[in-house]
Amino acid sequence: MKRKIALVTGGFTGESVVSFKSADFVESQLDKSKYDVFKIVVLKDSWYYLDASSSQHPVDKNDFSIHINNEKINFDVAFIMLHGSPGEDGKLQGYFDLIGLPYTSCDALTSSLTMNKGYSKAIVDGISGLNIARSIQLFENSELSEKQVLNNLVLPLFIKPNNGGSSIGMSKVKSDSELKDALNKAFNEDQQVLVEEFVEGREFSIGVYKNENGIQVLPATEVIPTNDFFDFEAKYTPGATEEITPGRMTEEEKSRVERIVTDVYLKLNCKGMVRIDYFLQKDTSNFYFIEINTIPGQTAQSFIPQQVRAAGLNISEFYGNLVEMALNNHV
């Protein structure tokens, strides 16, 4: 008997465009001999199953079921492939917990906390070998906020929405005169903004997941953007970034990174697959935590698929393992 998977995509933010691409890729890779896959689109004004002919069938929110040809279909598991709210901030996870539906991602509390970059950093602070750039968390956009930033932090700075993803609304500020526009851009995306001092070094992104043998770390991807930093355009424009998988690290760096990201996964009580972004500081090679993404992108050019291939794993089996872990452990 094939398991019925609700492949949940869409979302309430600008990241929905990436969510649809991620869901398309995951759907293409899931083993259809094992699973019946139903693409469920979650938008602010409607939830529906999108069938192969692009017809929409409404979702009954009482139990997350659908009706096809007078047959009621309930799902065995939700494969959450929805970036941003409500798929990455814990809202969907809380709903699925209430109705008793297993899902492939972190739980509601971890998802909610990790969506907030400032809170995430406060929790992982203290892990051996993990460093955090000096920062300020802003809750309002005002002249007082600008003064607070300039009085407490040293340029250059990164300005980013605290709860956003895909680097939308992010800026690098090199002079005082650029700060106001950068804050406006970030506050346009979120009510909270994180301002961080720039750490010079090599940037990496690394996948971490759990299987029946415990926590596993994938080969890291080294990120070398042609832009000044790894923004939305660099992430999703083919050729805009040089990506090296596995990234160039010494054996000592590789071993140290694997230990630190495993500790981050444990400290944040993660489930399923996550992606952790970090810098190795210039000259010192110190590990600087950037952020964690609990619903990492799965487009054809995304990091996790690259890293799965570099590890010599089969992507179809990798996704299948996430489904089986969710079913067996009721994530």
C-alpha atoms as a PDB file:
ATOM      1  CA  MET A   1       0.000   0.000   0.000  1.00  0.00           C
ATOM      2  CA  LYS A   2       1.588   3.276  -1.114  1.00  0.00           C
ATOM      3  CA  ARG A   3       1.873   6.079   1.413  1.00  0.00           C
ATOM      4  CA  LYS A   4       0.034   9.313   0.614  1.00  0.00           C
ATOM      5  CA  ILE A   5       2.287  12.368   0.829  1.00  0.00           C
ATOM      6  CA  ALA A   6       1.006  15.937   1.028  1.00  0.00           C
ATOM      7  CA  LEU A   7       3.791  17.946  -0.622  1.00  0.00           C
ATOM      8  CA  VAL A   8       3.016  21.350   0.888  1.00  0.00           C
ATOM      9  CA  THR A   9       4.103  24.458  -1.028  1.00  0.00           C
ATOM     10  CA  GLY A  10       3.103  28.090  -1.656  1.00  0.00           C
ATOM     11  CA  GLY A  11       3.228  30.484   1.272  1.00  0.00           C
ATOM     12  CA  PHE A  12       2.361  33.980   2.380  1.00  0.00           C
ATOM     13  CA  THR A  13       5.585  35.765   1.362  1.00  0.00           C
ATOM     14  CA  GLY A  14       7.704  36.617  -1.659  1.00  0.00           C
ATOM     15  CA  GLU A  15       9.514  33.337  -1.148  1.00  0.00           C
ATOM     16  CA  SER A  16       6.512  31.448  -2.537  1.00  0.00           C
ATOM     17  CA  VAL A  17       8.063  31.581  -6.009  1.00  0.00           C
ATOM     18  CA  VAL A  18      11.017  29.575  -4.665  1.00  0.00           C
ATOM     19  CA  SER A  19       8.679  27.237  -2.769  1.00  0.00           C
ATOM     20  CA  PHE A  20       6.929  26.216  -5.987  1.00  0.00           C
ATOM     21  CA  LYS A  21      10.268  25.461  -7.674  1.00  0.00           C
ATOM     22  CA  SER A  22      11.448  23.470  -4.653  1.00  0.00           C
ATOM     23  CA  ALA A  23       8.228  21.447  -4.572  1.00  0.00           C
ATOM     24  CA  ASP A  24       8.475  20.707  -8.305  1.00  0.00           C
ATOM     25  CA  PHE A  25      11.972  19.314  -7.834  1.00  0.00           C
ATOM     26  CA  VAL A  26      11.075  17.233  -4.774  1.00  0.00           C
ATOM     27  CA  GLU A  27       8.011  15.860  -6.579  1.00  0.00           C
ATOM     28  CA  SER A  28      10.174  14.855  -9.545  1.00  0.00           C
ATOM     29  CA  GLN A  29      12.542  12.935  -7.258  1.00  0.00           C
ATOM     30  CA  LEU A  30      10.193  11.145  -4.865  1.00  0.00           C
ATOM     31  CA  ASP A  31       9.814   7.433  -5.621  1.00  0.00           C
ATOM     32  CA  LYS A  32       6.349   7.072  -7.170  1.00  0.00           C
ATOM     33  CA  SER A  33       6.454   3.285  -6.676  1.00  0.00           C
ATOM     34  CA  LYS A  34       6.413   3.934  -2.906  1.00  0.00           C
ATOM     35  CA  TYR A  35       4.450   7.162  -2.595  1.00  0.00           C
ATOM     36  CA  ASP A  36       1.374   8.849  -4.004  1.00  0.00           C
ATOM     37  CA  VAL A  37       2.330  12.515  -4.030  1.00  0.00           C
ATOM     38  CA  PHE A  38      -0.298  15.287  -3.815  1.00  0.00           C
ATOM     39  CA  LYS A  39       0.861  18.877  -4.287  1.00  0.00           C
ATOM     40  CA  ILE A  40      -0.977  20.985  -1.702  1.00  0.00           C
ATOM     41  CA  VAL A  41      -0.802  24.747  -2.217  1.00  0.00           C
ATOM     42  CA  VAL A  42      -1.213  26.902   0.891  1.00  0.00           C
ATOM     43  CA  LEU A  43      -1.930  30.578   0.215  1.00  0.00           C
ATOM     44  CA  LYS A  44      -3.435  33.295   2.404  1.00  0.00           C
ATOM     45  CA  ASP A  45      -6.818  33.125   0.719  1.00  0.00           C
ATOM     46  CA  SER A  46      -6.992  29.461  -0.307  1.00  0.00           C
ATOM     47  CA  TRP A  47      -5.644  25.966   0.371  1.00  0.00           C
ATOM     48  CA  TYR A  48      -6.018  23.451  -2.427  1.00  0.00           C
ATOM     49  CA  TYR A  49      -4.699  20.309  -4.085  1.00  0.00           C
ATOM     50  CA  LEU A  50      -3.296  21.081  -7.525  1.00  0.00           C
ATOM     51  CA  ASP A  51      -3.724  18.033  -9.739  1.00  0.00           C
ATOM     52  CA  ALA A  52      -1.810  17.090 -12.908  1.00  0.00           C
ATOM     53  CA  SER A  53      -4.278  18.993 -15.106  1.00  0.00           C
ATOM     54  CA  SER A  54      -3.862  22.132 -12.937  1.00  0.00           C
ATOM     55  CA  SER A  55      -7.373  21.778 -11.484  1.00  0.00           C
ATOM     56  CA  GLN A  56      -7.792  22.973  -7.901  1.00  0.00           C
ATOM     57  CA  HIS A  57      -9.484  20.861  -5.215  1.00  0.00           C
ATOM     58  CA  PRO A  58     -10.079  22.629  -1.861  1.00  0.00           C
ATOM     59  CA  VAL A  59      -8.473  21.339   1.324  1.00  0.00           C
ATOM     60  CA  ASP A  60     -10.716  20.686   4.319  1.00  0.00           C
ATOM     61  CA  LYS A  61      -8.823  22.515   7.074  1.00  0.00           C
ATOM     62  CA  ASN A  62     -10.603  20.511   9.788  1.00  0.00           C
ATOM     63  CA  ASP A  63      -8.406  17.496   9.049  1.00  0.00           C
ATOM     64  CA  PHE A  64      -6.261  18.553   6.049  1.00  0.00           C
ATOM     65  CA  SER A  65      -8.121  16.172   3.735  1.00  0.00           C
ATOM     66  CA  ILE A  66      -9.227  16.501   0.135  1.00  0.00           C
ATOM     67  CA  HIS A  67     -12.038  14.972  -1.937  1.00  0.00           C
ATOM     68  CA  ILE A  68     -11.342  13.523  -5.382  1.00  0.00           C
ATOM     69  CA  ASN A  69     -14.187  11.925  -7.344  1.00  0.00           C
ATOM     70  CA  ASN A  70     -16.300  11.701  -4.177  1.00  0.00           C
ATOM     71  CA  GLU A  71     -13.454   9.898  -2.375  1.00  0.00           C
ATOM     72  CA  LYS A  72     -12.022  11.421   0.801  1.00  0.00           C
ATOM     73  CA  ILE A  73      -8.242  11.340   0.924  1.00  0.00           C
ATOM     74  CA  ASN A  74      -6.298  11.679   4.176  1.00  0.00           C
ATOM     75  CA  PHE A  75      -2.531  11.932   4.138  1.00  0.00           C
ATOM     76  CA  ASP A  76       0.040   9.794   5.932  1.00  0.00           C
ATOM     77  CA  VAL A  77       2.677  12.535   6.123  1.00  0.00           C
ATOM     78  CA  ALA A  78       3.298  16.140   5.090  1.00  0.00           C
ATOM     79  CA  PHE A  79       6.502  16.924   3.207  1.00  0.00           C
ATOM     80  CA  ILE A  80       6.823  20.637   3.962  1.00  0.00           C
ATOM     81  CA  MET A  81       8.444  22.493   1.075  1.00  0.00           C
ATOM     82  CA  LEU A  82       7.133  25.960   1.907  1.00  0.00           C
ATOM     83  CA  HIS A  83       9.751  28.650   2.553  1.00  0.00           C
ATOM     84  CA  GLY A  84       8.852  31.561   4.814  1.00  0.00           C
ATOM     85  CA  SER A  85       5.483  31.806   6.594  1.00  0.00           C
ATOM     86  CA  PRO A  86       3.545  29.647   7.409  1.00  0.00           C
ATOM     87  CA  GLY A  87       5.790  26.687   6.524  1.00  0.00           C
ATOM     88  CA  GLU A  88       9.037  27.760   8.117  1.00  0.00           C
ATOM     89  CA  ASP A  89       7.904  29.755  11.155  1.00  0.00           C
ATOM     90  CA  GLY A  90       6.118  26.954  13.019  1.00  0.00           C
ATOM     91  CA  LYS A  91       2.522  27.837  12.150  1.00  0.00           C
ATOM     92  CA  LEU A  92       1.905  24.840   9.871  1.00  0.00           C
ATOM     93  CA  GLN A  93       3.793  22.546  12.227  1.00  0.00           C
ATOM     94  CA  GLY A  94       1.554  23.587  15.116  1.00  0.00           C
ATOM     95  CA  TYR A  95      -1.525  22.937  12.980  1.00  0.00           C
ATOM     96  CA  PHE A  96      -0.229  19.516  11.937  1.00  0.00           C
ATOM     97  CA  ASP A  97       0.520  18.691  15.587  1.00  0.00           C
ATOM     98  CA  LEU A  98      -3.084  19.536  16.475  1.00  0.00           C
ATOM     99  CA  ILE A  99      -4.518  17.190  13.845  1.00  0.00           C
ATOM    100  CA  GLY A 100      -1.900  14.484  14.409  1.00  0.00           C
ATOM    101  CA  LEU A 101      -0.245  14.556  10.973  1.00  0.00           C
ATOM    102  CA  PRO A 102       3.503  13.692  10.878  1.00  0.00           C
ATOM    103  CA  TYR A 103       5.746  16.069   8.911  1.00  0.00           C
ATOM    104  CA  THR A 104       9.313  16.158   7.637  1.00  0.00           C
ATOM    105  CA  SER A 105      10.629  19.332   9.266  1.00  0.00           C
ATOM    106  CA  CYS A 106      11.577  20.710  12.686  1.00  0.00           C
ATOM    107  CA  ASP A 107       8.753  21.013  15.222  1.00  0.00           C
ATOM    108  CA  ALA A 108       6.699  24.157  15.833  1.00  0.00           C
ATOM    109  CA  LEU A 109       8.880  25.592  18.617  1.00  0.00           C
ATOM    110  CA  THR A 110      12.193  25.063  16.836  1.00  0.00           C
ATOM    111  CA  SER A 111      10.765  26.390  13.558  1.00  0.00           C
ATOM    112  CA  SER A 112       9.431  29.512  15.254  1.00  0.00           C
ATOM    113  CA  LEU A 113      12.679  30.219  17.102  1.00  0.00           C
ATOM    114  CA  THR A 114      14.990  29.595  14.152  1.00  0.00           C
ATOM    115  CA  MET A 115      12.915  31.834  11.890  1.00  0.00           C
ATOM    116  CA  ASN A 116      14.123  34.668  14.124  1.00  0.00           C
ATOM    117  CA  LYS A 117      17.805  35.169  13.351  1.00  0.00           C
ATOM    118  CA  GLY A 118      18.503  37.112  16.556  1.00  0.00           C
ATOM    119  CA  TYR A 119      16.879  34.538  18.837  1.00  0.00           C
ATOM    120  CA  SER A 120      18.653  31.681  17.038  1.00  0.00           C
ATOM    121  CA  LYS A 121      22.020  33.285  17.687  1.00  0.00           C
ATOM    122  CA  ALA A 122      21.211  33.789  21.363  1.00  0.00           C
ATOM    123  CA  ILE A 123      20.445  30.075  21.740  1.00  0.00           C
ATOM    124  CA  VAL A 124      23.526  28.715  19.942  1.00  0.00           C
ATOM    125  CA  ASP A 125      25.824  31.232  21.627  1.00  0.00           C
ATOM    126  CA  GLY A 126      28.074  29.261  23.957  1.00  0.00           C
ATOM    127  CA  ILE A 127      28.616  26.240  21.713  1.00  0.00           C
ATOM    128  CA  SER A 128      32.336  25.441  21.787  1.00  0.00           C
ATOM    129  CA  GLY A 129      34.137  26.887  18.767  1.00  0.00           C
ATOM    130  CA  LEU A 130      31.116  28.861  17.554  1.00  0.00           C
ATOM    131  CA  ASN A 131      31.468  32.629  17.201  1.00  0.00           C
ATOM    132  CA  ILE A 132      28.790  35.249  16.528  1.00  0.00           C
ATOM    133  CA  ALA A 133      29.266  38.655  14.895  1.00  0.00           C
ATOM    134  CA  ARG A 134      28.390  41.649  17.080  1.00  0.00           C
ATOM    135  CA  SER A 135      24.853  42.751  16.313  1.00  0.00           C
ATOM    136  CA  ILE A 136      21.813  44.782  17.304  1.00  0.00           C
ATOM    137  CA  GLN A 137      18.193  43.716  16.953  1.00  0.00           C
ATOM    138  CA  LEU A 138      15.882  46.596  16.003  1.00  0.00           C
ATOM    139  CA  PHE A 139      12.127  46.677  16.604  1.00  0.00           C
ATOM    140  CA  GLU A 140      11.351  50.051  15.044  1.00  0.00           C
ATOM    141  CA  ASN A 141      12.623  52.156  12.161  1.00  0.00           C
ATOM    142  CA  SER A 142      13.572  55.569  13.506  1.00  0.00           C
ATOM    143  CA  GLU A 143      16.402  58.095  13.751  1.00  0.00           C
ATOM    144  CA  LEU A 144      17.048  56.743  17.252  1.00  0.00           C
ATOM    145  CA  SER A 145      17.579  53.278  15.785  1.00  0.00           C
ATOM    146  CA  GLU A 146      20.074  54.664  13.276  1.00  0.00           C
ATOM    147  CA  LYS A 147      22.017  56.384  16.076  1.00  0.00           C
ATOM    148  CA  GLN A 148      21.967  53.199  18.143  1.00  0.00           C
ATOM    149  CA  VAL A 149      23.503  51.282  15.258  1.00  0.00           C
ATOM    150  CA  LEU A 150      26.222  53.844  14.517  1.00  0.00           C
ATOM    151  CA  ASN A 151      27.096  54.294  18.209  1.00  0.00           C
ATOM    152  CA  ASN A 152      27.448  50.574  18.932  1.00  0.00           C
ATOM    153  CA  LEU A 153      28.640  48.828  15.775  1.00  0.00           C
ATOM    154  CA  VAL A 154      31.544  49.286  13.373  1.00  0.00           C
ATOM    155  CA  LEU A 155      31.073  49.577   9.604  1.00  0.00           C
ATOM    156  CA  PRO A 156      30.711  47.744   7.262  1.00  0.00           C
ATOM    157  CA  LEU A 157      27.393  46.218   8.361  1.00  0.00           C
ATOM    158  CA  PHE A 158      24.861  43.685   7.131  1.00  0.00           C
ATOM    159  CA  ILE A 159      21.217  44.755   7.462  1.00  0.00           C
ATOM    160  CA  LYS A 160      18.652  41.967   7.151  1.00  0.00           C
ATOM    161  CA  PRO A 161      15.006  41.265   8.024  1.00  0.00           C
ATOM    162  CA  ASN A 162      15.117  39.244  11.235  1.00  0.00           C
ATOM    163  CA  ASN A 163      12.447  36.749  10.162  1.00  0.00           C
ATOM    164  CA  GLY A 164      13.002  36.726   6.415  1.00  0.00           C
ATOM    165  CA  GLY A 165      14.576  34.221   4.085  1.00  0.00           C
ATOM    166  CA  SER A 166      16.214  33.935   0.665  1.00  0.00           C
ATOM    167  CA  SER A 167      18.169  37.140   1.524  1.00  0.00           C
ATOM    168  CA  ILE A 168      15.162  39.273   0.521  1.00  0.00           C
ATOM    169  CA  GLY A 169      15.523  42.818   1.915  1.00  0.00           C
ATOM    170  CA  MET A 170      19.186  42.343   2.801  1.00  0.00           C
ATOM    171  CA  SER A 171      21.865  45.031   2.283  1.00  0.00           C
ATOM    172  CA  LYS A 172      25.533  45.599   2.955  1.00  0.00           C
ATOM    173  CA  VAL A 173      26.236  49.065   4.329  1.00  0.00           C
ATOM    174  CA  LYS A 174      29.715  50.551   3.931  1.00  0.00           C
ATOM    175  CA  SER A 175      29.022  54.179   4.933  1.00  0.00           C
ATOM    176  CA  ASP A 176      26.735  56.109   7.298  1.00  0.00           C
ATOM    177  CA  SER A 177      24.853  57.594   4.344  1.00  0.00           C
ATOM    178  CA  GLU A 178      23.700  54.148   3.166  1.00  0.00           C
ATOM    179  CA  LEU A 179      22.187  53.120   6.506  1.00  0.00           C
ATOM    180  CA  LYS A 180      18.781  54.810   6.243  1.00  0.00           C
ATOM    181  CA  ASP A 181      17.900  53.265   2.846  1.00  0.00           C
ATOM    182  CA  ALA A 182      19.103  49.845   4.005  1.00  0.00           C
ATOM    183  CA  LEU A 183      16.948  49.987   7.137  1.00  0.00           C
ATOM    184  CA  ASN A 184      13.928  51.082   5.094  1.00  0.00           C
ATOM    185  CA  LYS A 185      14.482  48.150   2.728  1.00  0.00           C
ATOM    186  CA  ALA A 186      14.710  45.638   5.576  1.00  0.00           C
ATOM    187  CA  PHE A 187      11.766  47.059   7.565  1.00  0.00           C
ATOM    188  CA  ASN A 188       9.700  46.869   4.389  1.00  0.00           C
ATOM    189  CA  GLU A 189      10.005  43.070   4.718  1.00  0.00           C
ATOM    190  CA  ASP A 190       9.728  42.630   8.493  1.00  0.00           C
ATOM    191  CA  GLN A 191       8.885  44.381  11.754  1.00  0.00           C
ATOM    192  CA  GLN A 192      12.220  43.296  13.230  1.00  0.00           C
ATOM    193  CA  VAL A 193      15.636  43.935  11.690  1.00  0.00           C
ATOM    194  CA  LEU A 194      19.034  42.483  12.540  1.00  0.00           C
ATOM    195  CA  VAL A 195      22.134  44.646  12.057  1.00  0.00           C
ATOM    196  CA  GLU A 196      25.467  42.799  12.183  1.00  0.00           C
ATOM    197  CA  GLU A 197      29.090  43.733  11.855  1.00  0.00           C
ATOM    198  CA  PHE A 198      30.736  42.367   8.730  1.00  0.00           C
ATOM    199  CA  VAL A 199      32.987  39.347   9.202  1.00  0.00           C
ATOM    200  CA  GLU A 200      35.608  39.000   6.493  1.00  0.00           C
ATOM    201  CA  GLY A 201      36.126  35.420   5.462  1.00  0.00           C
ATOM    202  CA  ARG A 202      34.994  32.530   3.295  1.00  0.00           C
ATOM    203  CA  GLU A 203      31.271  31.746   3.276  1.00  0.00           C
ATOM    204  CA  PHE A 204      29.881  28.215   3.388  1.00  0.00           C
ATOM    205  CA  SER A 205      26.529  26.482   3.608  1.00  0.00           C
ATOM    206  CA  ILE A 206      26.173  22.957   4.968  1.00  0.00           C
ATOM    207  CA  GLY A 207      23.314  20.472   5.146  1.00  0.00           C
ATOM    208  CA  VAL A 208      22.609  18.496   8.305  1.00  0.00           C
ATOM    209  CA  TYR A 209      19.943  15.812   8.702  1.00  0.00           C
ATOM    210  CA  LYS A 210      19.015  12.821  10.812  1.00  0.00           C
ATOM    211  CA  ASN A 211      18.600   9.241   9.645  1.00  0.00           C
ATOM    212  CA  GLU A 212      18.321   5.897  11.427  1.00  0.00           C
ATOM    213  CA  ASN A 213      22.049   6.129  12.268  1.00  0.00           C
ATOM    214  CA  GLY A 214      21.792   9.539  13.918  1.00  0.00           C
ATOM    215  CA  ILE A 215      22.828  13.052  12.854  1.00  0.00           C
ATOM    216  CA  GLN A 216      24.580  13.218   9.481  1.00  0.00           C
ATOM    217  CA  VAL A 217      26.540  16.129   7.985  1.00  0.00           C
ATOM    218  CA  LEU A 218      26.691  16.607   4.221  1.00  0.00           C
ATOM    219  CA  PRO A 219      29.717  18.052   2.368  1.00  0.00           C
ATOM    220  CA  ALA A 220      29.735  21.848   2.682  1.00  0.00           C
ATOM    221  CA  THR A 221      29.276  24.214  -0.260  1.00  0.00           C
ATOM    222  CA  GLU A 222      31.660  27.159  -0.530  1.00  0.00           C
ATOM    223  CA  VAL A 223      29.861  30.267  -1.773  1.00  0.00           C
ATOM    224  CA  ILE A 224      31.709  32.867  -3.847  1.00  0.00           C
ATOM    225  CA  PRO A 225      29.208  35.489  -5.088  1.00  0.00           C
ATOM    226  CA  THR A 226      30.074  37.768  -7.998  1.00  0.00           C
ATOM    227  CA  ASN A 227      27.964  40.398  -6.202  1.00  0.00           C
ATOM    228  CA  ASP A 228      29.258  42.070  -3.066  1.00  0.00           C
ATOM    229  CA  PHE A 229      27.430  39.478  -0.968  1.00  0.00           C
ATOM    230  CA  PHE A 230      25.112  36.468  -1.302  1.00  0.00           C
ATOM    231  CA  ASP A 231      21.793  38.240  -1.955  1.00  0.00           C
ATOM    232  CA  PHE A 232      18.535  37.011  -3.553  1.00  0.00           C
ATOM    233  CA  GLU A 233      19.857  37.602  -7.068  1.00  0.00           C
ATOM    234  CA  ALA A 234      23.056  35.705  -6.324  1.00  0.00           C
ATOM    235  CA  LYS A 235      21.081  32.816  -4.821  1.00  0.00           C
ATOM    236  CA  TYR A 236      18.634  32.285  -7.660  1.00  0.00           C
ATOM    237  CA  THR A 237      20.340  33.564 -10.807  1.00  0.00           C
ATOM    238  CA  PRO A 238      22.316  30.785 -12.514  1.00  0.00           C
ATOM    239  CA  GLY A 239      25.948  31.817 -12.866  1.00  0.00           C
ATOM    240  CA  ALA A 240      25.716  34.720 -10.402  1.00  0.00           C
ATOM    241  CA  THR A 241      27.614  32.749  -7.774  1.00  0.00           C
ATOM    242  CA  GLU A 242      30.502  30.331  -7.895  1.00  0.00           C
ATOM    243  CA  GLU A 243      29.591  27.332  -5.764  1.00  0.00           C
ATOM    244  CA  ILE A 244      32.179  24.720  -4.862  1.00  0.00           C
ATOM    245  CA  THR A 245      30.925  21.432  -3.414  1.00  0.00           C
ATOM    246  CA  PRO A 246      32.679  20.078  -1.404  1.00  0.00           C
ATOM    247  CA  GLY A 247      33.984  23.453  -0.234  1.00  0.00           C
ATOM    248  CA  ARG A 248      37.707  24.011   0.205  1.00  0.00           C
ATOM    249  CA  MET A 249      38.551  23.286   3.828  1.00  0.00           C
ATOM    250  CA  THR A 250      41.473  21.616   5.563  1.00  0.00           C
ATOM    251  CA  GLU A 251      40.814  18.331   7.347  1.00  0.00           C
ATOM    252  CA  GLU A 252      40.976  20.199  10.668  1.00  0.00           C
ATOM    253  CA  GLU A 253      38.445  22.797   9.493  1.00  0.00           C
ATOM    254  CA  LYS A 254      36.159  20.094   8.093  1.00  0.00           C
ATOM    255  CA  SER A 255      36.243  18.096  11.333  1.00  0.00           C
ATOM    256  CA  ARG A 256      35.680  21.211  13.465  1.00  0.00           C
ATOM    257  CA  VAL A 257      32.777  22.429  11.303  1.00  0.00           C
ATOM    258  CA  GLU A 258      31.078  19.023  11.413  1.00  0.00           C
ATOM    259  CA  ARG A 259      31.275  18.968  15.214  1.00  0.00           C
ATOM    260  CA  ILE A 260      29.963  22.537  15.579  1.00  0.00           C
ATOM    261  CA  VAL A 261      27.002  22.114  13.183  1.00  0.00           C
ATOM    262  CA  THR A 262      26.088  18.816  14.859  1.00  0.00           C
ATOM    263  CA  ASP A 263      26.034  20.674  18.193  1.00  0.00           C
ATOM    264  CA  VAL A 264      23.839  23.401  16.611  1.00  0.00           C
ATOM    265  CA  TYR A 265      21.397  20.750  15.326  1.00  0.00           C
ATOM    266  CA  LEU A 266      21.218  19.217  18.815  1.00  0.00           C
ATOM    267  CA  LYS A 267      21.006  22.523  20.701  1.00  0.00           C
ATOM    268  CA  LEU A 268      18.101  23.728  18.555  1.00  0.00           C
ATOM    269  CA  ASN A 269      16.377  20.291  18.719  1.00  0.00           C
ATOM    270  CA  CYS A 270      16.220  20.077  14.925  1.00  0.00           C
ATOM    271  CA  LYS A 271      14.441  17.378  12.932  1.00  0.00           C
ATOM    272  CA  GLY A 272      14.642  16.433   9.266  1.00  0.00           C
ATOM    273  CA  MET A 273      17.038  18.359   7.029  1.00  0.00           C
ATOM    274  CA  VAL A 274      18.349  21.827   7.811  1.00  0.00           C
ATOM    275  CA  ARG A 275      20.996  24.045   6.253  1.00  0.00           C
ATOM    276  CA  ILE A 276      23.460  26.051   8.330  1.00  0.00           C
ATOM    277  CA  ASP A 277      25.306  29.044   6.858  1.00  0.00           C
ATOM    278  CA  TYR A 278      28.642  30.116   8.313  1.00  0.00           C
ATOM    279  CA  PHE A 279      31.868  32.019   7.705  1.00  0.00           C
ATOM    280  CA  LEU A 280      35.403  30.846   8.309  1.00  0.00           C
ATOM    281  CA  GLN A 281      37.074  34.116   9.295  1.00  0.00           C
ATOM    282  CA  LYS A 282      40.015  35.356   7.272  1.00  0.00           C
ATOM    283  CA  ASP A 283      43.408  34.665   8.896  1.00  0.00           C
ATOM    284  CA  THR A 284      41.986  32.927  12.002  1.00  0.00           C
ATOM    285  CA  SER A 285      39.625  30.368  10.332  1.00  0.00           C
ATOM    286  CA  ASN A 286      37.271  30.899  13.294  1.00  0.00           C
ATOM    287  CA  PHE A 287      33.725  29.586  12.727  1.00  0.00           C
ATOM    288  CA  TYR A 288      31.108  32.382  12.624  1.00  0.00           C
ATOM    289  CA  PHE A 289      27.459  31.295  12.666  1.00  0.00           C
ATOM    290  CA  ILE A 290      25.281  33.205  10.171  1.00  0.00           C
ATOM    291  CA  GLU A 291      21.883  31.489  10.314  1.00  0.00           C
ATOM    292  CA  ILE A 292      19.990  28.220  10.094  1.00  0.00           C
ATOM    293  CA  ASN A 293      17.347  27.419   7.488  1.00  0.00           C
ATOM    294  CA  THR A 294      14.870  24.729   8.544  1.00  0.00           C
ATOM    295  CA  ILE A 295      13.176  24.429   5.125  1.00  0.00           C
ATOM    296  CA  PRO A 296      16.186  24.762   2.813  1.00  0.00           C
ATOM    297  CA  GLY A 297      15.607  25.350  -0.886  1.00  0.00           C
ATOM    298  CA  GLN A 298      15.381  22.287  -3.105  1.00  0.00           C
ATOM    299  CA  THR A 299      15.483  23.801  -6.580  1.00  0.00           C
ATOM    300  CA  ALA A 300      17.662  22.149  -9.203  1.00  0.00           C
ATOM    301  CA  GLN A 301      20.561  24.483  -8.334  1.00  0.00           C
ATOM    302  CA  SER A 302      20.083  24.475  -4.533  1.00  0.00           C
ATOM    303  CA  PHE A 303      22.830  23.522  -2.099  1.00  0.00           C
ATOM    304  CA  ILE A 304      21.263  20.441  -0.501  1.00  0.00           C
ATOM    305  CA  PRO A 305      20.839  18.507  -3.783  1.00  0.00           C
ATOM    306  CA  GLN A 306      24.426  19.447  -4.698  1.00  0.00           C
ATOM    307  CA  GLN A 307      25.666  18.182  -1.346  1.00  0.00           C
ATOM    308  CA  VAL A 308      23.646  14.959  -1.483  1.00  0.00           C
ATOM    309  CA  ARG A 309      25.244  14.159  -4.841  1.00  0.00           C
ATOM    310  CA  ALA A 310      28.713  15.081  -3.545  1.00  0.00           C
ATOM    311  CA  ALA A 311      28.194  12.654  -0.644  1.00  0.00           C
ATOM    312  CA  GLY A 312      27.503   9.888  -3.149  1.00  0.00           C
ATOM    313  CA  LEU A 313      23.878   9.585  -2.055  1.00  0.00           C
ATOM    314  CA  ASN A 314      20.793   9.125  -4.193  1.00  0.00           C
ATOM    315  CA  ILE A 315      18.498  12.172  -3.952  1.00  0.00           C
ATOM    316  CA  SER A 316      15.349  10.059  -4.303  1.00  0.00           C
ATOM    317  CA  GLU A 317      16.473   7.830  -1.428  1.00  0.00           C
ATOM    318  CA  PHE A 318      17.468  10.927   0.581  1.00  0.00           C
ATOM    319  CA  TYR A 319      13.972  12.423   0.310  1.00  0.00           C
ATOM    320  CA  GLY A 320      12.442   9.008   0.963  1.00  0.00           C
ATOM    321  CA  ASN A 321      14.480   8.730   4.152  1.00  0.00           C
ATOM    322  CA  LEU A 322      13.069  12.066   5.369  1.00  0.00           C
ATOM    323  CA  VAL A 323       9.559  10.721   4.785  1.00  0.00           C
ATOM    324  CA  GLU A 324      10.263   7.432   6.577  1.00  0.00           C
ATOM    325  CA  MET A 325      11.893   9.206   9.547  1.00  0.00           C
ATOM    326  CA  ALA A 326       8.816  11.418   9.884  1.00  0.00           C
ATOM    327  CA  LEU A 327       6.505   8.397   9.736  1.00  0.00           C
ATOM    328  CA  ASN A 328       8.534   6.283  12.144  1.00  0.00           C
ATOM    329  CA  ASN A 329       9.278   8.982  14.693  1.00  0.00           C
ATOM    330  CA  HIS A 330       6.203  11.193  14.228  1.00  0.00           C
ATOM    331  CA  VAL A 331       8.431  14.254  13.914  1.00  0.00           C
END
